[in-house]
C-alpha atoms as a PDB file:
ATOM      1  CA  UNK A   1       9.154   6.112 -18.265  1.00  0.00           C
ATOM      2  CA  UNK A   2       5.926   7.281 -17.521  1.00  0.00           C
ATOM      3  CA  UNK A   3       4.478  10.793 -16.431  1.00  0.00           C
ATOM      4  CA  UNK A   4       1.673  11.798 -14.128  1.00  0.00           C
ATOM      5  CA  UNK A   5       0.364  15.792 -13.331  1.00  0.00           C
ATOM      6  CA  UNK A   6      -0.218  17.105 -10.149  1.00  0.00           C
ATOM      7  CA  UNK A   7      -4.162  16.374  -8.945  1.00  0.00           C
ATOM      8  CA  UNK A   8      -6.680  18.931 -10.315  1.00  0.00           C
ATOM      9  CA  UNK A   9      -9.739  17.876  -8.458  1.00  0.00           C
ATOM     10  CA  UNK A  10      -9.686  19.028  -5.034  1.00  0.00           C
ATOM     11  CA  UNK A  11     -10.344  15.430  -2.698  1.00  0.00           C
ATOM     12  CA  UNK A  12     -12.511  15.450   0.336  1.00  0.00           C
ATOM     13  CA  UNK A  13     -11.180  11.745   1.741  1.00  0.00           C
ATOM     14  CA  UNK A  14      -7.737  10.833   0.786  1.00  0.00           C
ATOM     15  CA  UNK A  15      -4.914  12.192  -1.121  1.00  0.00           C
ATOM     16  CA  UNK A  16      -4.144  10.402  -4.050  1.00  0.00           C
ATOM     17  CA  UNK A  17      -1.415   7.429  -4.456  1.00  0.00           C
ATOM     18  CA  UNK A  18       0.714   9.417  -7.066  1.00  0.00           C
ATOM     19  CA  UNK A  19       4.184   7.035  -6.899  1.00  0.00           C
ATOM     20  CA  UNK A  20       5.099   3.396  -5.582  1.00  0.00           C
ATOM     21  CA  UNK A  21       7.440   1.021  -5.446  1.00  0.00           C
ATOM     22  CA  UNK A  22       4.968  -2.089  -5.439  1.00  0.00           C
ATOM     23  CA  UNK A  23       2.744  -1.124  -8.822  1.00  0.00           C
ATOM     24  CA  UNK A  24      -0.118   0.193  -7.060  1.00  0.00           C
ATOM     25  CA  UNK A  25       0.307   3.327  -8.427  1.00  0.00           C
ATOM     26  CA  UNK A  26       0.461   5.482 -11.929  1.00  0.00           C
ATOM     27  CA  UNK A  27       4.174   6.041 -11.754  1.00  0.00           C
ATOM     28  CA  UNK A  28       6.706   3.076 -10.289  1.00  0.00           C
ATOM     29  CA  UNK A  29      10.135   3.596  -8.335  1.00  0.00           C
ATOM     30  CA  UNK A  30      12.412   0.870  -8.019  1.00  0.00           C
ATOM     31  CA  UNK A  31      12.222   1.995  -4.026  1.00  0.00           C
ATOM     32  CA  UNK A  32      10.120   0.799  -1.042  1.00  0.00           C
ATOM     33  CA  UNK A  33       8.276   4.524  -0.861  1.00  0.00           C
ATOM     34  CA  UNK A  34       5.197   5.762  -2.095  1.00  0.00           C
ATOM     35  CA  UNK A  35       4.246   9.559  -2.726  1.00  0.00           C
ATOM     36  CA  UNK A  36       1.113  11.067  -2.050  1.00  0.00           C
ATOM     37  CA  UNK A  37      -0.205  14.513  -3.432  1.00  0.00           C
ATOM     38  CA  UNK A  38      -3.320  16.033  -3.629  1.00  0.00           C
ATOM     39  CA  UNK A  39      -5.429  19.506  -3.907  1.00  0.00           C
ATOM     40  CA  UNK A  40      -7.771  20.139  -0.831  1.00  0.00           C
ATOM     41  CA  UNK A  41     -10.171  22.597  -0.418  1.00  0.00           C
ATOM     42  CA  UNK A  42     -10.872  24.746   3.343  1.00  0.00           C
ATOM     43  CA  UNK A  43     -11.967  22.985   5.238  1.00  0.00           C
ATOM     44  CA  UNK A  44     -11.318  20.197   4.922  1.00  0.00           C
ATOM     45  CA  UNK A  45     -10.245  17.084   7.502  1.00  0.00           C
ATOM     46  CA  UNK A  46      -8.286  14.058   5.771  1.00  0.00           C
ATOM     47  CA  UNK A  47      -6.592  11.233   8.282  1.00  0.00           C
ATOM     48  CA  UNK A  48      -4.099   9.676   6.149  1.00  0.00           C
ATOM     49  CA  UNK A  49      -1.994   6.106   7.796  1.00  0.00           C
ATOM     50  CA  UNK A  50       1.574   6.396   7.813  1.00  0.00           C
ATOM     51  CA  UNK A  51       3.467   3.275   6.550  1.00  0.00           C
ATOM     52  CA  UNK A  52       6.988   3.771   7.948  1.00  0.00           C
ATOM     53  CA  UNK A  53       8.243   7.566   8.111  1.00  0.00           C
ATOM     54  CA  UNK A  54       6.840  10.417   6.034  1.00  0.00           C
ATOM     55  CA  UNK A  55       7.684  13.915   5.058  1.00  0.00           C
ATOM     56  CA  UNK A  56       4.930  16.231   4.546  1.00  0.00           C
ATOM     57  CA  UNK A  57       5.415  18.981   2.164  1.00  0.00           C
ATOM     58  CA  UNK A  58       3.033  21.966   1.470  1.00  0.00           C
ATOM     59  CA  UNK A  59       3.408  23.383  -2.358  1.00  0.00           C
ATOM     60  CA  UNK A  60       0.410  25.735  -1.573  1.00  0.00           C
ATOM     61  CA  UNK A  61      -2.385  27.442   1.670  1.00  0.00           C
ATOM     62  CA  UNK A  62      -1.770  26.445   5.084  1.00  0.00           C
ATOM     63  CA  UNK A  63      -2.726  22.861   7.056  1.00  0.00           C
ATOM     64  CA  UNK A  64      -2.637  21.695  10.422  1.00  0.00           C
ATOM     65  CA  UNK A  65      -0.750  18.698  10.879  1.00  0.00           C
ATOM     66  CA  UNK A  66      -2.118  16.786  14.079  1.00  0.00           C
ATOM     67  CA  UNK A  67      -2.390  20.387  15.693  1.00  0.00           C
ATOM     68  CA  UNK A  68       1.244  21.455  13.864  1.00  0.00           C
ATOM     69  CA  UNK A  69       0.223  24.682  11.051  1.00  0.00           C
ATOM     70  CA  UNK A  70       2.270  24.048   8.399  1.00  0.00           C
ATOM     71  CA  UNK A  71       2.130  26.774   5.338  1.00  0.00           C
ATOM     72  CA  UNK A  72       3.054  27.244   1.718  1.00  0.00           C
ATOM     73  CA  UNK A  73       6.957  25.780   1.417  1.00  0.00           C
ATOM     74  CA  UNK A  74       6.895  24.344   4.904  1.00  0.00           C
ATOM     75  CA  UNK A  75       8.157  20.666   5.843  1.00  0.00           C
ATOM     76  CA  UNK A  76       6.944  18.744   8.418  1.00  0.00           C
ATOM     77  CA  UNK A  77       8.978  14.961   9.509  1.00  0.00           C
ATOM     78  CA  UNK A  78       6.497  11.862  10.577  1.00  0.00           C
ATOM     79  CA  UNK A  79       7.484   9.788  12.974  1.00  0.00           C
ATOM     80  CA  UNK A  80       6.015   7.113  15.178  1.00  0.00           C
ATOM     81  CA  UNK A  81       2.362   7.638  13.981  1.00  0.00           C
ATOM     82  CA  UNK A  82       0.305   5.202  12.219  1.00  0.00           C
ATOM     83  CA  UNK A  83      -1.679   8.578  10.923  1.00  0.00           C
ATOM     84  CA  UNK A  84      -2.010  12.114  10.851  1.00  0.00           C
ATOM     85  CA  UNK A  85      -5.151  14.128  10.566  1.00  0.00           C
ATOM     86  CA  UNK A  86      -5.125  16.705   7.916  1.00  0.00           C
ATOM     87  CA  UNK A  87      -7.244  19.784   8.530  1.00  0.00           C
ATOM     88  CA  UNK A  88      -6.668  22.353   5.894  1.00  0.00           C
ATOM     89  CA  UNK A  89      -6.738  26.150   6.899  1.00  0.00           C
ATOM     90  CA  UNK A  90      -7.163  27.410   3.386  1.00  0.00           C
ATOM     91  CA  UNK A  91      -7.293  25.322   0.094  1.00  0.00           C
ATOM     92  CA  UNK A  92      -4.137  23.502  -0.077  1.00  0.00           C
ATOM     93  CA  UNK A  93      -2.022  21.389  -2.199  1.00  0.00           C
ATOM     94  CA  UNK A  94       0.513  19.002  -0.566  1.00  0.00           C
ATOM     95  CA  UNK A  95       2.922  15.811  -1.054  1.00  0.00           C
ATOM     96  CA  UNK A  96       3.270  13.317   1.678  1.00  0.00           C
ATOM     97  CA  UNK A  97       6.201  11.150   1.190  1.00  0.00           C
ATOM     98  CA  UNK A  98       6.335   7.762   2.835  1.00  0.00           C
ATOM     99  CA  UNK A  99       9.855   5.857   3.595  1.00  0.00           C
ATOM    100  CA  UNK A 100       9.878   2.298   5.111  1.00  0.00           C
ATOM    101  CA  UNK A 101      11.900   1.970   8.384  1.00  0.00           C
ATOM    102  CA  UNK A 102      12.324   2.232  11.905  1.00  0.00           C
ATOM    103  CA  UNK A 103      14.685   5.514  11.834  1.00  0.00           C
ATOM    104  CA  UNK A 104      13.356   8.780  12.634  1.00  0.00           C
ATOM    105  CA  UNK A 105      12.736  10.749   9.346  1.00  0.00           C
ATOM    106  CA  UNK A 106      15.471  13.914   8.996  1.00  0.00           C
END
């Protein structure tokens, strides 16, 4: 069983892939899912490609997700989107969990 820390170095272009079921991340799971994480300084804009459905969690700060404001403790479901535009309003820490499928994210 492996372990990984939340990324400490702020990113400016893309979030770090921490967990996946296809051996492309630091941590492996036996599911068709991916978990991205990152610290993003303000002001920064990142386009994140979505494979399937997603759920974004804000651990710290404020971020606009396709013009929807999310703050610390908020979650945003992502369905029927090929990508999302993340625009930080303050220095932010966030996670994106992606799962495959055609069903709506809940």
